[in-house]
Structure formats: C-alpha cells, structure tokens
Protein backbone atom coordinates (compact mmCIF):
# COMPACT_ATOMS: atom_id res chain seq x y z
CA MET A 1 0.00 0.00 0.00
CA LYS A 2 1.41 3.38 -1.09
CA ALA A 3 -0.04 6.88 -0.67
CA TYR A 4 0.58 9.89 -2.91
CA VAL A 5 -0.38 13.57 -2.66
CA VAL A 6 -2.16 14.40 -5.92
CA GLY A 7 -3.77 17.15 -7.95
CA GLY A 8 -4.11 20.73 -6.82
CA ALA A 9 -1.76 20.49 -3.85
CA VAL A 10 1.11 19.40 -6.12
CA ARG A 11 0.21 21.99 -8.76
CA ASP A 12 0.06 24.91 -6.34
CA GLU A 13 3.22 23.86 -4.50
CA LEU A 14 5.12 23.89 -7.82
CA LEU A 15 3.68 27.34 -8.55
CA GLY A 16 4.89 28.60 -5.17
CA LEU A 17 1.33 29.15 -3.94
CA PRO A 18 0.04 28.28 -0.46
CA VAL A 19 -1.48 24.81 -0.21
CA ALA A 20 -4.63 24.77 1.92
CA ASP A 21 -5.79 21.17 1.42
CA ARG A 22 -4.06 18.00 0.37
CA ASP A 23 -5.77 15.07 -1.34
CA TRP A 24 -4.20 11.62 -1.41
CA VAL A 25 -4.49 8.61 -3.68
CA VAL A 26 -3.81 5.17 -2.21
CA VAL A 27 -2.50 2.40 -4.46
CA GLY A 28 -2.61 -1.28 -3.55
CA ALA A 29 -5.25 -1.21 -0.81
CA THR A 30 -8.82 -2.38 -0.29
CA PRO A 31 -11.60 -0.62 1.64
CA GLU A 32 -11.29 -3.25 4.35
CA GLU A 33 -7.58 -2.54 4.77
CA MET A 34 -8.22 1.19 5.01
CA ALA A 35 -10.87 0.67 7.69
CA ALA A 36 -8.54 -1.63 9.62
CA ARG A 37 -5.97 1.19 9.73
CA GLY A 38 -8.51 3.55 11.29
CA PHE A 39 -9.56 5.46 8.16
CA LYS A 40 -13.21 6.58 8.15
CA PRO A 41 -15.16 5.88 4.92
CA VAL A 42 -16.96 8.97 3.57
CA GLY A 43 -17.21 8.36 -0.19
CA ARG A 44 -20.63 7.85 -1.71
CA ASP A 45 -19.76 7.19 -5.36
CA PHE A 46 -16.26 5.72 -4.89
CA PRO A 47 -13.98 4.71 -1.97
CA VAL A 48 -12.83 7.85 -0.11
CA PHE A 49 -11.64 7.91 3.49
CA LEU A 50 -10.61 10.43 6.13
CA HIS A 51 -7.25 10.01 7.82
CA PRO A 52 -7.77 9.24 11.52
CA GLN A 53 -5.45 12.07 12.65
CA THR A 54 -5.10 14.68 9.87
CA ARG A 55 -8.68 14.28 8.52
CA GLU A 56 -7.27 14.65 5.00
CA GLU A 57 -9.01 12.74 2.21
CA TYR A 58 -7.52 9.49 0.95
CA ALA A 59 -9.14 7.99 -2.17
CA LEU A 60 -8.37 4.53 -3.49
CA ALA A 61 -6.87 4.61 -6.98
CA ARG A 62 -9.59 4.21 -9.57
CA THR A 63 -10.42 4.32 -13.25
CA GLU A 64 -13.58 5.67 -14.88
CA ARG A 65 -15.47 4.50 -17.94
CA LYS A 66 -18.08 6.59 -19.74
CA SER A 67 -21.51 4.98 -19.44
CA GLY A 68 -23.97 7.82 -20.07
CA ARG A 69 -24.38 11.50 -20.89
CA GLY A 70 -23.27 14.34 -18.64
CA TYR A 71 -20.82 14.51 -15.79
CA LYS A 72 -22.51 11.72 -13.79
CA GLY A 73 -22.49 9.19 -16.62
CA PHE A 74 -19.49 7.17 -15.41
CA THR A 75 -18.79 3.70 -14.13
CA VAL A 76 -16.03 3.73 -11.51
CA TYR A 77 -13.64 0.85 -10.97
CA SER A 78 -11.41 0.73 -7.89
CA ALA A 79 -9.17 -2.18 -6.95
CA PRO A 80 -5.67 -2.81 -5.55
CA GLU A 81 -4.28 -3.44 -9.04
CA VAL A 82 -5.20 0.04 -10.35
CA THR A 83 -1.94 1.94 -10.75
CA LEU A 84 -1.15 5.54 -9.90
CA GLU A 85 -0.65 6.38 -13.57
CA GLN A 86 -4.06 4.93 -14.43
CA ASP A 87 -5.62 7.08 -11.72
CA LEU A 88 -3.82 10.21 -12.95
CA ALA A 89 -4.81 9.46 -16.55
CA ARG A 90 -8.51 10.05 -15.78
CA ARG A 91 -7.87 13.64 -14.63
CA ASP A 92 -8.71 16.71 -16.66
CA LEU A 93 -5.50 18.70 -17.19
CA THR A 94 -1.84 17.80 -17.16
CA ILE A 95 -1.19 20.35 -14.40
CA ASN A 96 -3.69 18.45 -12.22
CA ALA A 97 -2.32 15.00 -13.10
CA MET A 98 0.83 15.06 -10.97
CA ALA A 99 1.61 13.38 -7.67
CA ARG A 100 4.25 13.27 -4.96
CA ASP A 101 5.13 10.13 -3.09
CA GLU A 102 5.70 10.04 0.65
CA ALA A 103 9.41 10.75 0.10
CA GLY A 104 8.56 13.93 -1.85
CA ARG A 105 9.48 12.62 -5.31
CA LEU A 106 7.42 14.07 -8.18
CA VAL A 107 5.42 11.67 -10.36
CA ASP A 108 4.54 13.43 -13.61
CA PRO A 109 3.65 11.00 -16.43
CA PHE A 110 1.83 13.56 -18.61
CA GLY A 111 4.13 16.61 -18.57
CA GLY A 112 2.26 18.73 -16.06
CA GLU A 113 5.40 20.44 -14.73
CA ARG A 114 6.39 21.36 -18.27
CA ASP A 115 2.97 22.89 -18.91
CA LEU A 116 3.13 24.80 -15.64
CA ARG A 117 6.38 26.41 -16.76
CA ALA A 118 4.87 27.19 -20.17
CA ARG A 119 1.67 28.49 -18.53
CA VAL A 120 -0.52 26.21 -20.63
CA LEU A 121 -3.76 24.37 -19.87
CA ARG A 122 -3.67 21.07 -21.75
CA HIS A 123 -5.98 18.07 -21.43
CA VAL A 124 -4.50 14.74 -20.37
CA SER A 125 -6.30 12.51 -22.87
CA ALA A 126 -9.31 12.22 -25.14
CA ALA A 127 -11.27 11.13 -22.05
CA PHE A 128 -11.47 14.84 -21.22
CA ALA A 129 -14.46 14.98 -23.57
CA GLU A 130 -16.44 12.58 -21.41
CA ASP A 131 -17.13 15.16 -18.68
CA PRO A 132 -18.70 18.50 -19.73
CA VAL A 133 -17.89 20.10 -16.36
CA ARG A 134 -14.33 20.24 -17.61
CA ILE A 135 -15.26 22.98 -20.08
CA LEU A 136 -16.12 25.22 -17.14
CA ARG A 137 -13.13 24.10 -15.09
CA VAL A 138 -10.68 24.95 -17.86
CA ALA A 139 -12.28 28.36 -18.28
CA ARG A 140 -12.02 28.93 -14.52
CA PHE A 141 -8.39 27.86 -14.41
CA ALA A 142 -7.68 30.30 -17.24
CA ALA A 143 -9.08 33.05 -15.02
CA ARG A 144 -7.23 31.91 -11.91
CA TYR A 145 -3.75 31.40 -13.29
CA GLU A 146 -3.88 33.57 -16.42
CA PHE A 147 -2.72 30.57 -18.48
CA ARG A 148 -3.50 30.11 -22.15
CA ILE A 149 -5.53 27.12 -23.31
CA ALA A 150 -3.65 24.77 -25.64
CA ASP A 151 -4.96 24.81 -29.19
CA GLU A 152 -5.85 21.13 -29.14
CA THR A 153 -7.72 21.52 -25.84
CA ARG A 154 -9.65 24.52 -27.14
CA ALA A 155 -10.59 22.53 -30.24
CA LEU A 156 -11.74 19.60 -28.10
CA MET A 157 -13.88 21.89 -25.94
CA ARG A 158 -15.47 23.29 -29.08
CA ARG A 159 -16.29 19.79 -30.34
CA MET A 160 -17.85 18.94 -26.97
CA VAL A 161 -20.13 21.97 -27.19
CA GLU A 162 -21.09 21.14 -30.76
CA ALA A 163 -21.96 17.61 -29.64
CA GLY A 164 -24.41 19.03 -27.09
CA GLU A 165 -22.53 17.89 -23.97
CA ALA A 166 -22.96 21.31 -22.33
CA GLY A 167 -26.70 20.72 -22.25
CA PHE A 168 -26.26 17.87 -19.79
CA LEU A 169 -24.69 20.00 -17.06
CA VAL A 170 -26.86 20.33 -13.97
CA ALA A 171 -27.63 23.82 -12.73
CA GLU A 172 -25.74 23.52 -9.46
CA ARG A 173 -22.47 22.64 -11.22
CA VAL A 174 -22.77 25.49 -13.72
CA TRP A 175 -23.33 28.03 -10.96
CA GLN A 176 -20.66 26.49 -8.75
CA GLU A 177 -17.99 26.88 -11.42
CA LEU A 178 -19.26 30.29 -12.57
CA ALA A 179 -19.23 31.60 -9.00
CA LYS A 180 -15.67 30.41 -8.47
CA GLY A 181 -14.62 31.99 -11.75
CA LEU A 182 -16.22 35.32 -10.89
CA MET A 183 -14.11 35.40 -7.73
CA GLU A 184 -10.83 34.90 -9.60
CA LYS A 185 -8.49 37.81 -10.23
CA ASP A 186 -9.16 37.84 -13.98
CA ALA A 187 -12.75 36.65 -14.40
CA ALA A 188 -12.80 38.09 -17.91
CA ARG A 189 -10.59 35.24 -19.08
CA MET A 190 -13.24 32.73 -18.00
CA PHE A 191 -15.89 34.39 -20.17
CA GLU A 192 -13.44 34.71 -23.06
CA ALA A 193 -12.64 30.99 -22.86
CA LEU A 194 -16.32 30.02 -22.77
CA ASP A 195 -17.10 32.32 -25.68
CA ASP A 196 -14.15 31.05 -27.69
CA CYS A 197 -15.34 27.43 -27.56
CA GLY A 198 -18.99 28.35 -28.15
CA ALA A 199 -20.17 27.46 -24.64
CA LEU A 200 -21.19 30.93 -23.53
CA GLY A 201 -24.52 30.94 -25.35
CA PRO A 202 -25.66 27.44 -24.35
CA LEU A 203 -24.58 27.82 -20.73
CA LEU A 204 -25.45 31.47 -20.08
CA PRO A 205 -28.02 32.55 -22.68
CA GLU A 206 -29.47 35.28 -20.48
CA LEU A 207 -26.10 37.06 -20.40
CA ALA A 208 -25.20 36.62 -24.07
CA GLU A 209 -25.78 40.28 -24.94
CA LEU A 210 -22.99 41.31 -22.58
CA PHE A 211 -20.49 39.81 -25.00
CA ALA A 212 -22.24 40.57 -28.29
CA SER A 213 -20.06 43.55 -29.18
CA PRO A 214 -16.46 44.58 -28.44
CA GLN A 215 -17.70 47.69 -26.63
CA ALA A 216 -20.08 45.78 -24.34
CA ARG A 217 -17.47 43.13 -23.66
CA ALA A 218 -14.86 45.75 -22.77
CA GLY A 219 -17.24 47.40 -20.30
CA VAL A 220 -18.01 44.12 -18.54
CA PHE A 221 -14.38 43.10 -18.34
CA ALA A 222 -13.30 46.48 -16.99
CA ALA A 223 -15.96 46.36 -14.27
CA LEU A 224 -14.97 42.82 -13.25
CA GLY A 225 -11.35 43.92 -13.09
CA ARG A 226 -12.25 46.78 -10.75
CA ALA A 227 -14.28 44.38 -8.60
CA ALA A 228 -11.28 42.07 -8.25
CA GLN A 229 -9.03 44.96 -7.22
CA ASP A 230 -11.69 46.03 -4.71
CA ALA A 231 -11.98 42.45 -3.33
CA ALA A 232 -15.74 42.68 -3.87
CA PRO A 233 -17.91 39.76 -2.70
CA LEU A 234 -19.62 37.38 -5.12
CA ALA A 235 -23.04 39.07 -4.93
CA VAL A 236 -21.51 42.41 -5.96
CA ARG A 237 -19.58 40.87 -8.85
CA PHE A 238 -22.65 39.13 -10.23
CA ALA A 239 -24.72 42.29 -9.78
CA LEU A 240 -22.22 44.06 -12.05
CA LEU A 241 -23.34 41.73 -14.85
CA ALA A 242 -26.95 42.69 -14.11
CA TRP A 243 -26.01 46.39 -14.27
CA MET A 244 -24.47 45.93 -17.72
CA LEU A 245 -27.58 44.33 -19.25
CA GLU A 246 -29.43 46.81 -21.42
CA ASP A 247 -32.67 45.12 -22.47
CA ASP A 248 -35.22 43.48 -20.18
CA ALA A 249 -32.58 43.09 -17.49
CA ALA A 250 -34.81 42.08 -14.58
CA ARG A 251 -36.54 39.34 -16.55
CA ARG A 252 -33.22 37.98 -17.78
CA ILE A 253 -31.73 37.92 -14.29
CA GLU A 254 -34.87 36.32 -12.85
CA ALA A 255 -34.71 33.59 -15.51
CA PHE A 256 -31.00 33.10 -14.87
CA ALA A 257 -31.53 32.89 -11.11
CA GLU A 258 -34.37 30.41 -11.48
CA ARG A 259 -32.54 28.19 -13.95
CA LEU A 260 -29.25 28.05 -12.04
CA ARG A 261 -30.80 28.25 -8.57
CA LEU A 262 -28.77 31.20 -7.39
CA PRO A 263 -28.35 31.86 -3.67
CA ASN A 264 -30.94 34.34 -2.40
CA GLU A 265 -28.43 37.06 -1.54
CA VAL A 266 -26.94 36.94 -5.05
CA ARG A 267 -30.33 36.94 -6.74
CA GLU A 268 -31.76 39.76 -4.61
CA LEU A 269 -28.84 42.15 -5.09
CA ALA A 270 -28.84 41.54 -8.84
CA LEU A 271 -32.58 42.18 -9.15
CA THR A 272 -32.33 45.26 -6.94
CA THR A 273 -29.58 46.49 -9.23
CA CYS A 274 -31.88 46.08 -12.24
CA ARG A 275 -34.67 48.01 -10.50
CA CYS A 276 -32.45 50.83 -9.29
CA ARG A 277 -29.86 51.28 -12.01
CA ALA A 278 -31.40 54.40 -13.53
CA GLY A 279 -31.86 56.02 -10.13
CA LEU A 280 -28.32 55.22 -9.07
CA ALA A 281 -26.83 56.46 -12.32
CA GLY A 282 -28.70 59.77 -12.06
CA ALA A 283 -28.35 60.31 -8.32
CA HIS A 284 -25.70 63.01 -8.70
CA ARG A 285 -28.34 65.43 -10.04
CA ALA A 286 -31.64 63.90 -8.88
CA SER A 287 -34.30 65.76 -6.93
CA ALA A 288 -35.17 64.91 -3.35
CA ALA A 289 -38.29 63.08 -4.54
CA ALA A 290 -36.30 61.04 -7.07
CA LEU A 291 -33.70 60.12 -4.48
CA LEU A 292 -36.46 58.97 -2.14
CA GLU A 293 -37.94 56.82 -4.88
CA THR A 294 -34.57 55.14 -5.43
CA LEU A 295 -34.26 54.49 -1.70
CA LYS A 296 -37.70 52.90 -1.67
CA ARG A 297 -36.99 50.76 -4.73
CA ALA A 298 -33.82 49.54 -3.04
CA ASP A 299 -35.67 48.83 0.22
CA ALA A 300 -32.90 50.87 1.83
CA PHE A 301 -34.79 51.60 5.07
CA ARG A 302 -35.21 47.91 5.90
CA ARG A 303 -32.03 46.62 4.24
CA PRO A 304 -29.29 49.23 4.75
CA GLU A 305 -26.53 46.61 4.45
CA ARG A 306 -27.74 45.54 1.03
CA PHE A 307 -28.11 49.18 0.03
CA ALA A 308 -24.43 49.71 0.87
CA GLU A 309 -23.61 46.81 -1.48
CA LEU A 310 -25.81 48.38 -4.14
CA LEU A 311 -23.83 51.63 -3.91
CA ARG A 312 -20.66 49.58 -4.26
CA VAL A 313 -22.03 48.03 -7.44
CA ALA A 314 -22.76 51.49 -8.83
CA ARG A 315 -19.28 52.78 -8.05
CA LEU A 316 -17.60 49.77 -9.66
CA ALA A 317 -19.87 49.82 -12.71
CA GLU A 318 -19.39 53.50 -13.48
CA PRO A 319 -16.40 54.86 -11.58
CA GLY A 320 -15.56 58.55 -11.46
CA ALA A 321 -16.59 61.79 -9.84
CA GLN A 322 -20.20 61.56 -11.01
CA ALA A 323 -20.75 58.12 -9.47
CA ALA A 324 -18.99 59.15 -6.27
CA ALA A 325 -21.18 62.26 -5.99
CA GLY A 326 -24.31 60.19 -6.57
CA ALA A 327 -23.37 57.65 -3.90
CA GLU A 328 -22.58 60.44 -1.44
CA ARG A 329 -25.94 62.13 -2.08
CA LEU A 330 -27.82 58.86 -1.67
CA GLY A 331 -26.03 58.19 1.60
CA ARG A 332 -26.98 61.59 2.95
CA ALA A 333 -30.51 61.16 1.65
CA LEU A 334 -30.91 57.85 3.45
CA ALA A 335 -29.64 59.28 6.73
CA ALA A 336 -32.00 62.27 6.46
CA ALA A 337 -35.05 60.22 5.48
CA ALA A 338 -34.39 57.64 8.20
CA SER A 339 -34.41 60.40 10.82
CA VAL A 340 -38.08 61.15 10.14
CA ASP A 341 -40.31 59.96 12.98
CA ALA A 342 -42.63 57.57 11.15
CA ALA A 343 -44.51 56.67 14.33
CA ALA A 344 -45.39 60.32 15.03
CA ILE A 345 -46.68 60.77 11.48
CA ALA A 346 -48.81 57.65 11.76
CA GLN A 347 -50.25 58.82 15.07
CA ALA A 348 -51.13 62.26 13.70
CA ALA A 349 -52.70 61.04 10.46
CA ALA A 350 -56.45 61.45 10.15
CA ALA A 351 -56.79 58.08 8.40
CA PRO A 352 -54.45 55.13 7.85
CA ALA A 353 -54.65 55.56 4.09
CA GLU A 354 -52.99 58.99 4.41
CA ILE A 355 -49.88 57.70 6.21
CA PRO A 356 -47.76 56.60 3.21
CA ALA A 357 -48.13 59.90 1.34
CA GLN A 358 -47.49 61.97 4.47
CA LEU A 359 -44.42 59.89 5.34
CA ASP A 360 -43.06 60.28 1.80
CA ALA A 361 -43.62 64.02 1.92
CA ALA A 362 -41.84 64.33 5.26
CA ARG A 363 -38.91 62.22 4.07
CA ALA A 364 -38.59 64.20 0.83
CA GLN A 365 -38.53 67.45 2.82
CA ALA A 366 -35.86 66.05 5.13
CA ILE A 367 -33.76 65.01 2.13
CA ALA A 368 -34.13 68.43 0.50
CA ARG A 369 -33.01 70.16 3.72
CA ALA A 370 -30.03 67.84 4.12
CA LEU A 371 -28.85 68.40 0.56
CA GLY A 372 -29.42 72.15 0.72
C-alpha cells in the first residue's frame, strides 16, 4: 500500500502558492484494509476515506469509464491493481495530473510540470471529452492562473459543445464553477474561454448580450477587473453583470436565477440592481423626490446593508466623480429620510390611508433640507 499527494496540492506547490488542502491517492489497498488502519469511509460514489489524525481525504486509486451523458455518466472501478498512472490518466489537465510520493518525489507521467512552466492548460487525454464540467473548469483555471488554453484543448472543448454535452450540465455545477470563476483575479478570461469554444450561449443565454459587441465586452471586463481589485464579494460581482444588461434586465436575471438556482443574496442584489440602475446612475443630479424613490426601490430603510452593497455596485460599474457624488448624495438622503419619525406621522394622520403619502412628503422634505 502506497499513498501519494495528488492534484491541486502538487500543482500549487510547484507554482509557489500556499497549499490549503491535500488530497491523497492510495494504491494497492482495499476498503477493508483502510478501515482496519482507522480510516473513516466517507465516499458515496467511490472509496474515499478520512485520515484518523489529519482528517485529510484518501481515495483509493480508480479508473472511470463513460456509461452515459453528462458529468454523472461514469462507471467507476477501484481495486488494488489500479496503478497511480491509471488514476492520474482520468484527470482533466496535465497540471492536475501530478503526484508526490511520501518521500517527496514528483510523479509526472503527462508533462504537467512542463505545462506549468509554459503556462498552458492542456488536457491529459481524449477522455477529457467525457465530462462537460471540464469545459467550465478549464475556463475557470484560465481566469485563476492567467494561463493560455492549448490549441488542441480549445478545439476539443469546441467539439464537446457542438456535440451538445454542455446541455447535460446540472444547474448547481454550472453556478458552482461560474461563481468560483467570478471570484478569480481575472474573471474576464473565463468568459473569453467560454465564448471562444462556443459554450457561452448554451450555458449562459441570459447574459449573451454582454459579449455581443467589443464595446459591451470591454465594459463588462473592466468592471470585473475593478471588482477584483476592490476584493468585492460574489453578490456584488454578479450584480455588475446585471447592471451591464441593457434590455429586459430584470426578466433575464430572474430567468438566470431560477434556472441556475442562485443563492438568495446573489439573486436579490442583482434584481435590486436592475430596479435601481437608472436612479443610481442619475443620483448626482436627482431631486429629493427622485432620491427617495430610489431608496424605496432599493428597500434601503429595511435593508441598509444591502443598500451599501448596491452603492458599491454602482461605483464599480461607473467609476468617477459623477458616481462618487451620486453615492454620497444617496447616503446623505438615506440618513435624512431615516431620521423622520414615522410613528409620530402615523399617530397624527387622520386616516391610515394617508400615512404613506405623508411619510413620503416628510422624508422628501428632510432630504431636501439635508442636501441644501
């Protein structure tokens, strides 16, 4: 029985990056032998165990055979005779198909170290085409490491899309990879890679217009670059895409959120951005009444934290003195409007139906006074 560190830990260590988690492959063992050594079984689809002390994952060496469509259409075979090279051969990219033995020696049967030095993403074998998730993973790695995609890998990705494999990706996996890519330092490269192989339309049809022209594409990429420099959270970065949509933005984002089952906080900020974009963009010169309307559309009185994120979206989408002035005016407007005693107005109203209009009038007056 031999154990090897594999995959991302080896890749990142060779790149000089910090290694957070280590995954291991075990060759020459059975599940019963692993259990006898104190390893806890946790794998559902194939034999994976937790080390009794380190809690790191140890998977028995395995091979995979395509048996259906999509990323779940595989038959897994794991046995003591499966070699390390056979296990590495099923992996997606050469830079992820390396291992280190317990003495620290590098095992690199597919040239991953060479491709790391050349800054190239290259598939290990034709079996790459059996798992459509790999299209998204390659695009995400392009964004993370700023590597180029090998010509033959790009061509294979394009053939996979043309064969309809992208249509078999489940929503959770698409969003999972997209979310990770949006958080990389150069998310634009992910979208470029997806567009280049033809996957952007099938996977993200609601956002296709963002990349339909060089001008629109440049605007999106610049905003994502600013978001990375600002260390913006995921919800803000996705909301930037919503801001950039020109036509029927709210409906598109709602359809996108429903199809890919977006987290509530991501969906809500994006839809709020669609509702409030015009008000945010014009806040630098808006009247007190218009500022109040924007605050109400944003639900700023009940959700001030989300409103702060919305202002961040506006500043990243359209940076400059105008956007800064608009955000400053909206901040002052919110503080002034929130200082109005809503309870006193409700108590003094002659009828309940009069309360909303009287409260709006009082808030607008407070905003006008605050802004001079």
